Amino acid sequence: MNQLEKIDSVAHQRHELQTKLYYDATIYSIIKHVSISGMLRHISFFHIWANEPHFITYSISKVCDYKMNKQHDALLVRGCGMDMAWSVVNHLEYELNKDQEYLDKPFKLKSRII
């Protein structure tokens, strides 16, 4: 994948998230694995739309530049000492609000761990 295709893919995923999420959406997370040292977590993310879960882990990986773990279908999130699922949702909120002039309301996402 060349640089132009990567930029186009990120822009497409950002647009998808901006149209599918509403401004105060709740993003649910599932912590699928924690390393022995506690410094690495595998976390999946979804939101509820029309009473159905919609997994957005891949989109978050593209927009926020996290690596995917294909075995757990989750993001590789490094760090400890705080709620790392909230940290990812906060990073997503920041990335979605970058294009402020195109948005009606800025995103104020909520994080919940299941």
N, C-alpha and C. Protein backbone atom coordinates (compact mmCIF):
# COMPACT_ATOMS: atom_id res chain seq x y z
N MET A 1 0.86 -1.18 0.00
CA MET A 1 0.00 0.00 0.00
C MET A 1 0.91 1.24 0.00
N ASN A 2 0.72 2.08 -1.00
CA ASN A 2 1.55 3.29 -1.04
C ASN A 2 0.96 4.38 -0.14
N GLN A 3 1.68 5.47 -0.01
CA GLN A 3 1.31 6.54 0.94
C GLN A 3 -0.04 7.15 0.58
N LEU A 4 -0.31 7.36 -0.71
CA LEU A 4 -1.58 7.96 -1.13
C LEU A 4 -2.77 7.06 -0.81
N GLU A 5 -2.62 5.76 -1.02
CA GLU A 5 -3.69 4.82 -0.68
C GLU A 5 -3.94 4.80 0.82
N LYS A 6 -2.86 4.88 1.62
CA LYS A 6 -3.00 4.89 3.07
C LYS A 6 -3.77 6.14 3.53
N ILE A 7 -3.43 7.30 2.99
CA ILE A 7 -4.13 8.54 3.35
C ILE A 7 -5.59 8.46 2.96
N ASP A 8 -5.88 7.90 1.77
CA ASP A 8 -7.25 7.76 1.31
C ASP A 8 -8.04 6.81 2.21
N SER A 9 -7.39 5.73 2.65
CA SER A 9 -8.04 4.76 3.53
C SER A 9 -8.37 5.40 4.89
N VAL A 10 -7.43 6.17 5.43
CA VAL A 10 -7.65 6.84 6.72
C VAL A 10 -8.79 7.85 6.59
N ALA A 11 -8.80 8.62 5.50
CA ALA A 11 -9.87 9.60 5.29
C ALA A 11 -11.22 8.92 5.16
N HIS A 12 -11.24 7.78 4.47
CA HIS A 12 -12.50 7.03 4.31
C HIS A 12 -13.01 6.52 5.65
N GLN A 13 -12.11 5.94 6.45
CA GLN A 13 -12.52 5.43 7.76
C GLN A 13 -12.97 6.55 8.69
N ARG A 14 -12.30 7.71 8.64
CA ARG A 14 -12.70 8.86 9.46
C ARG A 14 -14.11 9.31 9.07
N HIS A 15 -14.37 9.39 7.76
CA HIS A 15 -15.70 9.79 7.29
C HIS A 15 -16.76 8.79 7.72
N GLU A 16 -16.44 7.50 7.63
CA GLU A 16 -17.39 6.46 8.06
C GLU A 16 -17.74 6.63 9.54
N LEU A 17 -16.75 6.85 10.38
CA LEU A 17 -17.01 7.02 11.81
C LEU A 17 -17.80 8.30 12.08
N GLN A 18 -17.47 9.39 11.39
CA GLN A 18 -18.19 10.65 11.60
C GLN A 18 -19.65 10.55 11.19
N THR A 19 -19.97 9.72 10.21
CA THR A 19 -21.36 9.59 9.78
C THR A 19 -22.13 8.56 10.60
N LYS A 20 -21.44 7.53 11.11
CA LYS A 20 -22.13 6.47 11.86
C LYS A 20 -22.27 6.77 13.34
N LEU A 21 -21.35 7.55 13.90
CA LEU A 21 -21.43 7.89 15.32
C LEU A 21 -22.16 9.21 15.48
N TYR A 22 -22.94 9.35 16.53
CA TYR A 22 -23.54 10.63 16.84
C TYR A 22 -22.67 11.32 17.88
N TYR A 23 -22.90 12.58 18.12
CA TYR A 23 -21.94 13.41 18.86
C TYR A 23 -21.70 12.96 20.30
N ASP A 24 -22.67 12.33 20.97
CA ASP A 24 -22.44 11.87 22.35
C ASP A 24 -22.58 10.35 22.46
N ALA A 25 -22.11 9.64 21.47
CA ALA A 25 -22.23 8.18 21.43
C ALA A 25 -21.41 7.53 22.54
N THR A 26 -21.86 6.36 22.96
CA THR A 26 -21.11 5.56 23.92
C THR A 26 -20.37 4.48 23.15
N ILE A 27 -19.06 4.42 23.35
CA ILE A 27 -18.22 3.41 22.72
C ILE A 27 -17.94 2.35 23.77
N TYR A 28 -18.35 1.12 23.49
CA TYR A 28 -18.14 0.00 24.41
C TYR A 28 -16.85 -0.71 24.04
N SER A 29 -16.17 -1.22 25.05
CA SER A 29 -14.92 -1.93 24.80
C SER A 29 -14.91 -3.27 25.53
N ILE A 30 -14.21 -4.20 24.92
CA ILE A 30 -14.03 -5.52 25.50
C ILE A 30 -12.52 -5.76 25.58
N ILE A 31 -12.02 -5.92 26.79
CA ILE A 31 -10.59 -6.21 26.97
C ILE A 31 -10.43 -7.72 26.83
N LYS A 32 -9.81 -8.14 25.73
CA LYS A 32 -9.73 -9.56 25.40
C LYS A 32 -8.50 -10.24 25.96
N HIS A 33 -7.44 -9.46 26.19
CA HIS A 33 -6.21 -10.07 26.70
C HIS A 33 -5.35 -9.00 27.35
N VAL A 34 -4.69 -9.35 28.44
CA VAL A 34 -3.72 -8.48 29.09
C VAL A 34 -2.42 -9.27 29.22
N SER A 35 -1.32 -8.64 28.84
CA SER A 35 -0.03 -9.33 28.92
C SER A 35 0.34 -9.60 30.38
N ILE A 36 1.28 -10.49 30.58
CA ILE A 36 1.72 -10.84 31.93
C ILE A 36 2.27 -9.61 32.66
N SER A 37 3.00 -8.78 31.93
CA SER A 37 3.58 -7.58 32.55
C SER A 37 2.54 -6.50 32.81
N GLY A 38 1.37 -6.60 32.16
CA GLY A 38 0.33 -5.60 32.32
C GLY A 38 0.53 -4.36 31.48
N MET A 39 1.53 -4.37 30.60
CA MET A 39 1.85 -3.19 29.79
C MET A 39 1.22 -3.23 28.40
N LEU A 40 0.52 -4.31 28.04
CA LEU A 40 -0.09 -4.44 26.73
C LEU A 40 -1.47 -5.05 26.86
N ARG A 41 -2.43 -4.46 26.19
CA ARG A 41 -3.79 -4.98 26.21
C ARG A 41 -4.28 -5.14 24.78
N HIS A 42 -5.16 -6.13 24.57
CA HIS A 42 -5.85 -6.30 23.31
C HIS A 42 -7.30 -5.93 23.57
N ILE A 43 -7.78 -4.86 22.91
CA ILE A 43 -9.10 -4.31 23.21
C ILE A 43 -9.90 -4.18 21.91
N SER A 44 -11.16 -4.65 21.94
CA SER A 44 -12.09 -4.47 20.82
C SER A 44 -13.10 -3.39 21.18
N PHE A 45 -13.61 -2.70 20.16
CA PHE A 45 -14.54 -1.58 20.37
C PHE A 45 -15.76 -1.72 19.48
N PHE A 46 -16.92 -1.32 20.02
CA PHE A 46 -18.14 -1.29 19.23
C PHE A 46 -19.07 -0.23 19.79
N HIS A 47 -20.08 0.10 19.01
CA HIS A 47 -21.14 0.98 19.49
C HIS A 47 -22.47 0.36 19.09
N ILE A 48 -23.52 0.78 19.77
CA ILE A 48 -24.86 0.25 19.50
C ILE A 48 -25.59 1.23 18.60
N TRP A 49 -26.09 0.73 17.49
CA TRP A 49 -26.88 1.54 16.56
C TRP A 49 -28.04 0.69 16.08
N ALA A 50 -29.26 1.21 16.22
CA ALA A 50 -30.49 0.49 15.86
C ALA A 50 -30.56 -0.85 16.59
N ASN A 51 -30.22 -0.84 17.88
CA ASN A 51 -30.25 -2.02 18.75
C ASN A 51 -29.35 -3.16 18.29
N GLU A 52 -28.31 -2.84 17.54
CA GLU A 52 -27.36 -3.85 17.11
C GLU A 52 -25.93 -3.35 17.34
N PRO A 53 -25.04 -4.25 17.74
CA PRO A 53 -23.65 -3.81 17.92
C PRO A 53 -22.95 -3.66 16.57
N HIS A 54 -22.19 -2.60 16.42
CA HIS A 54 -21.41 -2.36 15.22
C HIS A 54 -19.96 -2.22 15.65
N PHE A 55 -19.14 -3.19 15.26
CA PHE A 55 -17.74 -3.19 15.67
C PHE A 55 -16.97 -2.17 14.84
N ILE A 56 -16.22 -1.33 15.52
CA ILE A 56 -15.48 -0.24 14.88
C ILE A 56 -13.98 -0.33 15.17
N THR A 57 -13.53 -1.50 15.58
CA THR A 57 -12.13 -1.68 15.94
C THR A 57 -11.21 -1.37 14.77
N TYR A 58 -11.53 -1.90 13.59
CA TYR A 58 -10.68 -1.67 12.41
C TYR A 58 -10.63 -0.19 12.06
N SER A 59 -11.77 0.48 12.10
CA SER A 59 -11.81 1.91 11.78
C SER A 59 -10.97 2.72 12.75
N ILE A 60 -11.05 2.38 14.03
CA ILE A 60 -10.25 3.08 15.03
C ILE A 60 -8.76 2.84 14.78
N SER A 61 -8.41 1.61 14.38
CA SER A 61 -7.00 1.33 14.11
C SER A 61 -6.47 2.18 12.97
N LYS A 62 -7.27 2.42 11.96
CA LYS A 62 -6.84 3.24 10.83
C LYS A 62 -6.77 4.72 11.21
N VAL A 63 -7.83 5.23 11.84
CA VAL A 63 -7.91 6.66 12.15
C VAL A 63 -6.89 7.06 13.21
N CYS A 64 -6.71 6.24 14.24
CA CYS A 64 -5.83 6.59 15.35
C CYS A 64 -4.46 5.94 15.26
N ASP A 65 -4.21 5.17 14.21
CA ASP A 65 -2.91 4.56 13.95
C ASP A 65 -2.49 3.57 15.05
N TYR A 66 -3.41 2.68 15.43
CA TYR A 66 -3.09 1.58 16.33
C TYR A 66 -2.90 0.32 15.50
N LYS A 67 -2.07 -0.59 15.99
CA LYS A 67 -1.88 -1.87 15.31
C LYS A 67 -3.00 -2.82 15.71
N MET A 68 -3.36 -3.70 14.77
CA MET A 68 -4.39 -4.70 15.03
C MET A 68 -3.75 -6.03 15.40
N ASN A 69 -4.43 -6.78 16.26
CA ASN A 69 -4.07 -8.16 16.56
C ASN A 69 -5.15 -9.01 15.91
N LYS A 70 -4.79 -9.72 14.87
CA LYS A 70 -5.77 -10.50 14.10
C LYS A 70 -6.31 -11.68 14.91
N GLN A 71 -5.49 -12.25 15.79
CA GLN A 71 -5.92 -13.41 16.58
C GLN A 71 -7.09 -13.05 17.50
N HIS A 72 -7.02 -11.89 18.14
CA HIS A 72 -8.08 -11.47 19.06
C HIS A 72 -9.05 -10.49 18.40
N ASP A 73 -8.81 -10.09 17.14
CA ASP A 73 -9.60 -9.07 16.45
C ASP A 73 -9.73 -7.84 17.35
N ALA A 74 -8.57 -7.32 17.74
CA ALA A 74 -8.53 -6.23 18.71
C ALA A 74 -7.35 -5.32 18.42
N LEU A 75 -7.36 -4.16 19.07
CA LEU A 75 -6.24 -3.22 18.97
C LEU A 75 -5.17 -3.60 19.98
N LEU A 76 -3.91 -3.37 19.61
CA LEU A 76 -2.81 -3.51 20.55
C LEU A 76 -2.62 -2.16 21.23
N VAL A 77 -2.91 -2.09 22.51
CA VAL A 77 -2.82 -0.83 23.25
C VAL A 77 -1.77 -0.99 24.34
N ARG A 78 -0.74 -0.18 24.26
CA ARG A 78 0.36 -0.23 25.22
C ARG A 78 0.16 0.83 26.30
N GLY A 79 0.54 0.48 27.53
CA GLY A 79 0.46 1.42 28.63
C GLY A 79 -0.22 0.81 29.84
N CYS A 80 -0.10 1.50 30.96
CA CYS A 80 -0.74 1.05 32.19
C CYS A 80 -0.89 2.24 33.12
N GLY A 81 -1.59 2.04 34.22
CA GLY A 81 -1.74 3.10 35.21
C GLY A 81 -2.97 3.95 35.00
N MET A 82 -3.73 3.65 33.94
CA MET A 82 -4.97 4.39 33.69
C MET A 82 -5.89 3.51 32.86
N ASP A 83 -7.08 3.96 32.62
CA ASP A 83 -8.05 3.22 31.82
C ASP A 83 -7.64 3.34 30.35
N MET A 84 -7.04 2.30 29.80
CA MET A 84 -6.52 2.35 28.44
C MET A 84 -7.64 2.33 27.40
N ALA A 85 -8.79 1.75 27.72
CA ALA A 85 -9.93 1.80 26.80
C ALA A 85 -10.41 3.24 26.67
N TRP A 86 -10.51 3.95 27.79
CA TRP A 86 -10.88 5.36 27.75
C TRP A 86 -9.86 6.17 26.96
N SER A 87 -8.59 5.84 27.12
CA SER A 87 -7.54 6.54 26.40
C SER A 87 -7.73 6.43 24.88
N VAL A 88 -8.09 5.24 24.40
CA VAL A 88 -8.32 5.04 22.96
C VAL A 88 -9.55 5.84 22.52
N VAL A 89 -10.63 5.81 23.30
CA VAL A 89 -11.84 6.56 22.94
C VAL A 89 -11.55 8.05 22.95
N ASN A 90 -10.77 8.52 23.90
CA ASN A 90 -10.40 9.93 23.95
C ASN A 90 -9.57 10.32 22.72
N HIS A 91 -8.64 9.45 22.32
CA HIS A 91 -7.84 9.69 21.12
C HIS A 91 -8.74 9.72 19.87
N LEU A 92 -9.72 8.82 19.81
CA LEU A 92 -10.66 8.81 18.69
C LEU A 92 -11.46 10.10 18.64
N GLU A 93 -11.94 10.55 19.80
CA GLU A 93 -12.68 11.82 19.87
C GLU A 93 -11.84 12.97 19.33
N TYR A 94 -10.58 13.02 19.72
CA TYR A 94 -9.68 14.06 19.24
C TYR A 94 -9.53 14.00 17.72
N GLU A 95 -9.34 12.81 17.18
CA GLU A 95 -9.17 12.66 15.73
C GLU A 95 -10.44 13.04 14.97
N LEU A 96 -11.60 12.69 15.50
CA LEU A 96 -12.85 13.01 14.81
C LEU A 96 -13.16 14.50 14.87
N ASN A 97 -12.71 15.17 15.90
CA ASN A 97 -12.97 16.61 16.05
C ASN A 97 -11.95 17.48 15.32
N LYS A 98 -10.96 16.90 14.67
CA LYS A 98 -9.98 17.68 13.92
C LYS A 98 -10.63 18.51 12.82
N ASP A 99 -11.66 17.93 12.17
CA ASP A 99 -12.34 18.61 11.06
C ASP A 99 -13.53 19.41 11.60
N GLN A 100 -13.28 20.26 12.56
CA GLN A 100 -14.34 20.98 13.28
C GLN A 100 -15.26 21.78 12.36
N GLU A 101 -14.75 22.38 11.30
CA GLU A 101 -15.59 23.23 10.45
C GLU A 101 -16.63 22.42 9.66
N TYR A 102 -16.43 21.10 9.54
CA TYR A 102 -17.39 20.27 8.81
C TYR A 102 -18.44 19.63 9.71
N LEU A 103 -18.31 19.81 11.02
CA LEU A 103 -19.20 19.15 11.96
C LEU A 103 -20.24 20.11 12.52
N ASP A 104 -21.47 19.60 12.73
CA ASP A 104 -22.51 20.40 13.37
C ASP A 104 -22.19 20.60 14.85
N LYS A 105 -21.86 19.49 15.53
CA LYS A 105 -21.49 19.51 16.94
C LYS A 105 -20.19 18.74 17.10
N PRO A 106 -19.33 19.15 18.00
CA PRO A 106 -18.12 18.36 18.24
C PRO A 106 -18.50 17.05 18.95
N PHE A 107 -17.73 16.01 18.66
CA PHE A 107 -17.97 14.72 19.31
C PHE A 107 -17.56 14.78 20.76
N LYS A 108 -18.38 14.22 21.64
CA LYS A 108 -18.08 14.07 23.07
C LYS A 108 -18.42 12.63 23.42
N LEU A 109 -17.51 11.73 23.06
CA LEU A 109 -17.75 10.30 23.20
C LEU A 109 -17.61 9.83 24.64
N LYS A 110 -18.38 8.79 24.98
CA LYS A 110 -18.32 8.17 26.30
C LYS A 110 -17.70 6.78 26.15
N SER A 111 -17.06 6.31 27.18
CA SER A 111 -16.41 5.01 27.16
C SER A 111 -16.98 4.12 28.25
N ARG A 112 -17.30 2.88 27.88
CA ARG A 112 -17.78 1.88 28.84
C ARG A 112 -17.07 0.56 28.56
N ILE A 113 -16.60 -0.10 29.60
CA ILE A 113 -15.95 -1.40 29.46
C ILE A 113 -16.95 -2.50 29.81
N ILE A 114 -16.98 -3.51 28.98
CA ILE A 114 -17.87 -4.65 29.24
C ILE A 114 -17.04 -5.82 29.75
